[in-house]
Protein backbone atom coordinates (compact mmCIF):
# COMPACT_ATOMS: atom_id res chain seq x y z
CA MET A 1 -32.73 -62.83 0.03
CA SER A 2 -31.84 -60.26 -2.64
CA LEU A 3 -32.99 -60.39 -6.26
CA ILE A 4 -29.63 -61.76 -7.40
CA ASP A 5 -29.78 -64.49 -4.71
CA HIS A 6 -33.19 -65.58 -6.06
CA VAL A 7 -31.81 -65.56 -9.57
CA ARG A 8 -28.91 -67.73 -8.52
CA ALA A 9 -31.28 -70.20 -6.97
CA THR A 10 -32.91 -70.85 -10.38
CA LEU A 11 -29.62 -71.41 -12.22
CA LYS A 12 -28.46 -74.88 -13.16
CA SER A 13 -24.97 -74.07 -11.89
CA THR A 14 -23.18 -70.86 -10.79
CA ASP A 15 -19.93 -72.36 -12.20
CA THR A 16 -21.27 -72.04 -15.72
CA GLU A 17 -22.61 -68.46 -15.45
CA GLY A 18 -20.36 -65.41 -15.61
CA PRO A 19 -21.22 -61.90 -14.30
CA PHE A 20 -22.53 -60.77 -17.69
CA GLU A 21 -24.90 -63.76 -18.01
CA LEU A 22 -26.04 -63.33 -14.42
CA TYR A 23 -26.93 -59.62 -14.58
CA VAL A 24 -27.71 -59.04 -18.26
CA THR A 25 -29.55 -62.18 -19.30
CA ARG A 26 -30.50 -64.33 -16.33
CA THR A 27 -31.92 -61.59 -14.11
CA PRO A 28 -34.31 -60.16 -16.73
CA GLY A 29 -35.15 -63.79 -17.61
CA TYR A 30 -35.98 -64.51 -13.95
CA LEU A 31 -38.38 -61.46 -13.82
CA TRP A 32 -40.10 -62.68 -16.94
CA ALA A 33 -40.31 -66.16 -15.35
CA LEU A 34 -42.03 -64.70 -12.29
CA LEU A 35 -44.60 -63.04 -14.52
CA PHE A 36 -45.22 -66.17 -16.50
CA ARG A 37 -45.61 -68.22 -13.28
CA ALA A 38 -48.21 -65.72 -12.02
CA LEU A 39 -50.06 -66.06 -15.31
CA HIS A 40 -49.79 -69.88 -15.28
CA VAL A 41 -47.92 -69.99 -18.61
CA HIS A 42 -46.18 -73.28 -19.42
CA PRO A 43 -42.43 -73.14 -20.08
CA VAL A 44 -42.90 -74.68 -23.55
CA ALA A 45 -45.22 -71.79 -24.42
CA VAL A 46 -42.48 -69.36 -23.42
CA THR A 47 -40.00 -71.20 -25.66
CA LEU A 48 -42.43 -71.03 -28.56
CA MET A 49 -42.86 -67.25 -28.06
CA SER A 50 -39.07 -66.82 -28.06
CA ILE A 51 -38.84 -68.69 -31.35
CA VAL A 52 -41.41 -66.35 -32.98
CA ILE A 53 -39.85 -63.19 -31.62
CA GLY A 54 -36.32 -64.20 -32.44
CA THR A 55 -37.23 -65.29 -35.99
CA LEU A 56 -39.01 -61.99 -36.68
CA ALA A 57 -35.94 -60.16 -35.54
CA GLY A 58 -33.98 -61.61 -38.50
CA PRO A 59 -35.45 -59.48 -41.35
CA LEU A 60 -35.43 -56.32 -39.16
CA LEU A 61 -31.75 -56.85 -38.28
CA CYS A 62 -30.31 -57.84 -41.60
CA TYR A 63 -32.48 -56.53 -44.46
CA ASP A 64 -31.81 -53.10 -45.84
CA PHE A 65 -35.03 -51.10 -45.65
CA LEU A 66 -33.91 -48.43 -48.14
CA GLY A 67 -31.37 -47.02 -45.71
CA VAL A 68 -33.87 -46.54 -42.78
CA ARG A 69 -32.14 -47.38 -39.47
CA TRP A 70 -35.00 -47.82 -37.02
CA PRO A 71 -35.88 -51.40 -38.10
CA LEU A 72 -32.31 -52.40 -37.14
CA TYR A 73 -32.78 -51.04 -33.60
CA VAL A 74 -36.17 -52.75 -33.29
CA GLY A 75 -34.57 -56.06 -34.47
CA MET A 76 -31.82 -55.72 -31.88
CA LEU A 77 -34.40 -55.24 -29.09
CA MET A 78 -36.41 -58.22 -30.39
CA LEU A 79 -33.40 -60.53 -30.41
CA ILE A 80 -32.49 -59.48 -26.84
CA TRP A 81 -36.11 -59.97 -25.88
CA ALA A 82 -36.18 -63.48 -27.40
CA ASN A 83 -33.06 -64.33 -25.44
CA TRP A 84 -34.62 -63.21 -22.19
CA TYR A 85 -37.56 -65.52 -22.95
CA ASP A 86 -35.06 -68.29 -23.76
CA CYS A 87 -33.61 -67.78 -20.29
CA ALA A 88 -37.06 -67.47 -18.65
CA ASP A 89 -38.35 -70.80 -19.98
CA GLY A 90 -35.65 -72.83 -18.14
CA GLN A 91 -35.94 -70.74 -14.97
CA LEU A 92 -39.76 -71.07 -15.09
CA ALA A 93 -39.43 -74.82 -15.50
CA ARG A 94 -37.28 -75.07 -12.42
CA LEU A 95 -39.55 -72.77 -10.42
CA THR A 96 -42.64 -74.75 -11.24
CA ASN A 97 -41.03 -78.22 -11.56
CA GLN A 98 -42.22 -78.55 -15.18
CA ARG A 99 -38.94 -79.75 -16.75
CA THR A 100 -39.40 -81.93 -19.77
CA LEU A 101 -37.11 -83.36 -22.48
CA ILE A 102 -39.07 -81.70 -25.30
CA GLY A 103 -38.70 -78.42 -23.47
CA ARG A 104 -34.92 -78.78 -23.34
CA ILE A 105 -34.81 -79.79 -27.02
CA LEU A 106 -36.99 -76.85 -28.07
CA ASP A 107 -34.83 -74.59 -25.98
CA GLY A 108 -31.80 -75.46 -28.04
CA PHE A 109 -33.82 -75.47 -31.29
CA ALA A 110 -34.97 -71.84 -30.61
CA GLY A 111 -31.57 -70.37 -31.16
CA ASP A 112 -31.05 -72.38 -34.34
CA VAL A 113 -34.31 -70.90 -35.76
CA TRP A 114 -33.34 -67.37 -34.82
CA PHE A 115 -29.94 -67.55 -36.47
CA PHE A 116 -31.23 -69.34 -39.58
CA SER A 117 -33.46 -66.26 -40.10
CA ILE A 118 -30.49 -63.94 -39.41
CA TYR A 119 -28.19 -65.69 -41.90
CA PHE A 120 -30.86 -65.85 -44.55
CA PHE A 121 -31.64 -62.13 -44.47
CA LEU A 122 -27.94 -61.25 -44.07
CA CYS A 123 -27.35 -62.99 -47.33
CA LEU A 124 -30.24 -61.19 -49.00
CA ARG A 125 -28.80 -57.88 -47.81
CA LEU A 126 -25.21 -58.62 -48.99
CA THR A 127 -25.86 -60.46 -52.27
CA ASP A 128 -25.99 -57.28 -54.38
CA ASP A 129 -23.44 -55.36 -52.32
CA PHE A 130 -19.84 -54.79 -53.52
CA ILE A 131 -17.07 -56.73 -51.84
CA PRO A 132 -14.88 -54.37 -49.67
CA GLY A 133 -12.00 -53.08 -51.72
CA ALA A 134 -13.86 -53.49 -55.03
CA ASP A 135 -13.20 -49.88 -55.97
CA TRP A 136 -9.48 -50.09 -55.24
CA LEU A 137 -9.13 -53.35 -57.22
CA ALA A 138 -11.02 -51.82 -60.16
CA ALA A 139 -8.86 -48.69 -60.12
CA THR A 140 -5.54 -50.42 -59.55
CA PHE A 141 -5.86 -53.55 -61.72
CA GLY A 142 -8.69 -52.67 -64.02
CA LEU A 143 -10.82 -55.49 -62.61
CA PRO A 144 -14.57 -55.27 -62.57
CA ARG A 145 -16.22 -54.24 -59.28
CA LEU A 146 -17.01 -57.58 -57.66
CA MET A 147 -20.20 -58.19 -55.74
CA TRP A 148 -20.71 -60.79 -53.01
CA GLY A 149 -23.32 -62.65 -55.11
CA TRP A 150 -23.64 -66.34 -54.42
CA SER A 151 -20.38 -66.44 -52.51
CA ILE A 152 -21.95 -64.83 -49.43
CA TRP A 153 -24.52 -67.68 -49.33
CA LEU A 154 -21.65 -70.22 -49.23
CA ILE A 155 -19.77 -68.24 -46.59
CA CYS A 156 -22.89 -67.96 -44.32
CA ALA A 157 -23.81 -71.63 -44.99
CA TRP A 158 -20.35 -72.66 -43.71
CA ALA A 159 -20.44 -70.20 -40.83
CA GLY A 160 -23.91 -71.24 -39.74
CA PHE A 161 -24.26 -74.97 -40.37
CA ARG A 162 -20.67 -75.94 -39.80
CA CYS A 163 -19.04 -73.41 -37.39
CA HIS A 164 -21.95 -72.00 -35.45
CA GLY A 165 -23.59 -75.42 -35.03
CA ARG A 166 -20.46 -77.12 -33.72
CA GLN A 167 -19.48 -74.20 -31.46
CA CYS A 168 -22.87 -74.10 -29.70
CA ALA A 169 -23.10 -77.95 -29.48
CA VAL A 170 -19.70 -78.42 -27.86
CA ALA A 171 -20.18 -75.44 -25.54
CA ASP A 172 -23.49 -76.89 -24.37
CA TYR A 173 -21.91 -80.32 -23.97
CA TYR A 174 -19.05 -79.07 -21.86
CA ARG A 175 -21.38 -77.14 -19.58
CA ASN A 176 -23.49 -80.21 -19.04
CA ILE A 177 -20.36 -82.27 -18.41
CA HIS A 178 -19.21 -79.76 -15.83
CA MET A 179 -22.64 -79.87 -14.10
CA TRP A 180 -22.53 -83.67 -14.12
CA VAL A 181 -19.16 -83.59 -12.27
CA GLN A 182 -20.20 -80.71 -9.96
CA LEU A 183 -23.77 -81.70 -9.15
CA GLY A 184 -24.21 -85.41 -10.02
CA MET A 185 -26.28 -87.26 -12.55
CA GLU A 186 -29.64 -86.34 -11.06
CA ARG A 187 -29.12 -82.55 -11.51
CA CYS A 188 -27.53 -82.39 -14.89
CA GLU A 189 -28.82 -82.79 -18.49
CA LEU A 190 -26.07 -84.98 -19.81
CA ASP A 191 -27.69 -87.41 -22.33
CA THR A 192 -25.77 -90.02 -24.26
CA TYR A 193 -26.40 -90.96 -27.87
CA ARG A 194 -26.75 -94.60 -26.86
CA GLU A 195 -29.57 -93.88 -24.33
CA VAL A 196 -31.42 -91.51 -26.68
CA ASN A 197 -31.08 -93.92 -29.59
CA GLU A 198 -32.44 -96.82 -27.55
CA ARG A 199 -35.43 -94.71 -26.50
CA TYR A 200 -36.01 -93.69 -30.10
CA HIS A 201 -36.04 -97.34 -31.35
CA SER A 202 -38.35 -98.42 -28.56
CA LEU A 203 -41.14 -96.15 -29.86
CA LYS A 204 -43.39 -96.77 -32.87
CA TRP A 205 -44.25 -94.29 -35.57
CA LEU A 206 -47.82 -95.49 -35.84
CA SER A 207 -48.70 -94.94 -32.22
CA ARG A 208 -49.49 -92.03 -29.88
CA ASP A 209 -45.73 -91.75 -29.25
CA TRP A 210 -45.06 -90.52 -32.84
CA PHE A 211 -44.33 -87.02 -31.81
CA GLU A 212 -41.74 -88.05 -29.16
CA LYS A 213 -40.13 -90.33 -31.74
CA LEU A 214 -39.99 -87.41 -34.17
CA TYR A 215 -38.07 -85.08 -31.87
CA LEU A 216 -35.89 -87.90 -30.56
CA PHE A 217 -34.87 -88.51 -34.22
CA PHE A 218 -33.28 -85.06 -34.33
CA TYR A 219 -32.08 -85.06 -30.75
CA ARG A 220 -30.10 -88.31 -31.15
CA THR A 221 -28.24 -86.73 -34.12
CA TYR A 222 -27.45 -83.75 -31.96
CA CYS A 223 -26.08 -86.00 -29.16
CA GLU A 224 -24.04 -88.00 -31.67
CA GLY A 225 -22.45 -84.77 -33.00
CA GLN A 226 -21.52 -83.65 -29.47
CA GLU A 227 -19.88 -87.06 -28.71
CA ASN A 228 -18.02 -87.00 -32.04
CA GLN A 229 -16.33 -83.80 -30.86
CA ALA A 230 -15.32 -85.33 -27.53
CA PRO A 231 -14.14 -88.92 -27.96
CA GLN A 232 -11.80 -88.78 -24.98
CA PHE A 233 -14.61 -87.59 -22.67
CA VAL A 234 -16.88 -90.38 -23.98
CA ARG A 235 -14.10 -92.88 -23.03
CA PHE A 236 -13.79 -91.21 -19.62
CA HIS A 237 -17.58 -91.26 -19.05
CA GLN A 238 -17.85 -94.93 -20.07
CA THR A 239 -15.05 -95.77 -17.63
CA VAL A 240 -16.74 -93.91 -14.77
CA MET A 241 -20.06 -95.59 -15.51
CA GLN A 242 -18.47 -99.04 -15.51
CA ARG A 243 -16.44 -98.53 -12.31
CA TRP A 244 -18.70 -96.36 -10.15
CA ASN A 245 -22.08 -96.26 -11.93
CA GLY A 246 -21.61 -92.65 -12.81
CA VAL A 247 -20.81 -91.37 -9.27
CA LEU A 248 -17.28 -89.95 -9.31
CA PRO A 249 -15.02 -90.31 -6.25
CA GLN A 250 -14.68 -86.98 -4.53
CA ARG A 251 -10.99 -86.53 -5.33
CA LEU A 252 -11.61 -87.17 -9.06
CA ARG A 253 -14.60 -84.83 -8.93
CA ASP A 254 -12.57 -82.06 -7.40
CA GLU A 255 -9.73 -82.38 -9.90
CA PHE A 256 -12.06 -82.54 -12.91
CA ARG A 257 -14.01 -79.49 -11.71
CA GLN A 258 -10.84 -77.52 -11.06
CA LYS A 259 -9.54 -78.16 -14.54
CA SER A 260 -12.86 -77.73 -16.27
CA LEU A 261 -13.83 -74.44 -14.57
CA PRO A 262 -11.42 -72.24 -16.52
CA LEU A 263 -13.08 -73.38 -19.74
CA MET A 264 -16.56 -72.23 -18.75
CA PRO A 265 -16.09 -68.58 -19.85
CA THR A 266 -15.16 -69.87 -23.36
CA THR A 267 -18.39 -71.86 -23.47
CA ASN A 268 -20.29 -68.65 -22.88
CA LEU A 269 -18.29 -66.80 -25.55
CA LEU A 270 -19.23 -69.55 -28.04
CA THR A 271 -23.00 -69.37 -27.47
CA PHE A 272 -25.07 -66.19 -27.53
CA ASP A 273 -23.60 -63.12 -25.89
CA PHE A 274 -20.32 -62.56 -27.74
CA ARG A 275 -21.84 -63.79 -31.04
CA VAL A 276 -24.65 -61.23 -30.84
CA GLY A 277 -22.27 -58.54 -29.77
CA VAL A 278 -20.30 -59.08 -32.96
CA LEU A 279 -23.49 -59.23 -34.99
CA PHE A 280 -24.83 -55.95 -33.62
CA ALA A 281 -21.47 -54.15 -34.00
CA SER A 282 -21.05 -55.31 -37.60
CA LEU A 283 -24.59 -54.18 -38.50
CA LEU A 284 -24.26 -50.82 -36.79
CA LEU A 285 -20.96 -50.12 -38.58
CA ASP A 286 -22.44 -51.38 -41.88
CA VAL A 287 -19.82 -54.12 -42.24
CA ALA A 288 -22.27 -57.03 -41.92
CA TRP A 289 -19.88 -59.41 -43.72
CA VAL A 290 -17.58 -59.23 -40.69
CA TYR A 291 -20.01 -61.37 -38.58
CA PRO A 292 -19.73 -64.66 -40.43
CA LEU A 293 -15.98 -64.20 -40.83
CA VAL A 294 -15.55 -63.88 -37.06
CA GLU A 295 -17.47 -67.13 -36.59
CA ILE A 296 -15.33 -68.89 -39.14
CA THR A 297 -12.01 -67.58 -37.78
CA LEU A 298 -11.85 -66.35 -34.18
CA MET A 299 -14.68 -68.39 -32.76
CA GLU A 300 -13.55 -71.55 -34.54
CA TYR A 301 -10.08 -71.00 -32.98
CA TRP A 302 -11.65 -70.73 -29.54
CA ARG A 303 -13.68 -73.94 -30.15
CA TRP A 304 -10.55 -75.78 -31.27
CA LYS A 305 -8.44 -74.55 -28.33
CA MET A 306 -11.16 -75.38 -25.74
CA ARG A 307 -11.78 -78.80 -27.25
CA ARG A 308 -8.06 -79.61 -27.39
CA THR A 309 -7.66 -78.67 -23.67
CA HIS A 310 -10.75 -80.61 -22.56
CA GLU A 311 -9.83 -83.67 -24.55
CA ALA A 312 -6.27 -83.71 -23.12
CA MET A 313 -7.69 -83.41 -19.57
CA CYS A 314 -10.12 -86.35 -20.12
CA GLN A 315 -7.43 -88.51 -21.65
CA ASP A 316 -5.06 -87.88 -18.71
CA LEU A 317 -7.77 -88.56 -16.11
CA THR A 318 -8.81 -91.76 -17.81
CA ASN A 319 -5.23 -92.99 -17.99
CA ARG A 320 -4.91 -92.34 -14.27
CA ILE A 321 -8.33 -93.57 -13.25
CA ALA A 322 -6.98 -96.34 -11.00
CA GLU A 323 -5.54 -93.59 -8.71
CA TYR A 324 -9.07 -92.54 -7.71
CA GLU A 325 -10.41 -95.87 -6.47
CA GLN A 326 -12.51 -95.19 -3.33
């Protein structure tokens, strides 16, 4: 087997990975996973290392070190490095059969921590910068030269907490849905709010399960947010669970997969690779304010369009569910 064949064997699904993800992120991640397996490093430890590296990249990327450029390049390398570790932890878990719920939750949490650091230092960098066109406005209309000030904090808060969060959540949800249809319940990570909430309420704070209850507190909110973006899929999923206990008839499976597959490239655009490409380009060109605006506009449009298509598909399949009786 070639290196790429070995990498494909560690992927959750080849349907959800494009060529860029396979060669640029998954392959280096796999090589790191092999090293960590040889060193007997636990996947959760790899995730924690990715959190530290990615968080430290934030100030190097986004803070202006008196015009010196080399910290920016180091920050770019650190964020790429953190992403390789973020890939490696899941591949290592599958290689060593050490998959855990907390590992999955921390894996998603890692990216949130990286980008919180990035947004924070991006705001610090731009607060005292002049808004583009400030000189022209001042010369033409006699207006004062306007700085970003507190407005950039509001823009980044909306871009990060509202847009970025929803984009990544729904992209992750649709990938897991696709894997549920393609591979079945036992090989996907499709959790429902109801199941997670029931587990949360079954645990006690004053017990040795307090830590599990703590991370389930946040995870159930995450699952609820995903389901709120996909009510038609929730209806479809409930129908399938009631009729066939979650095992889709083959004809329904094939049709769902065929219609869902064209949306998978958009789920990748809405997660790491395109987002970081825009971030790096805006920083290199010294137009850092472009990055949150792209998230608010272009990426939000992609999310809306993908969600509209997916919801229409689920509604149609639910309405025709009787056609697929085995």
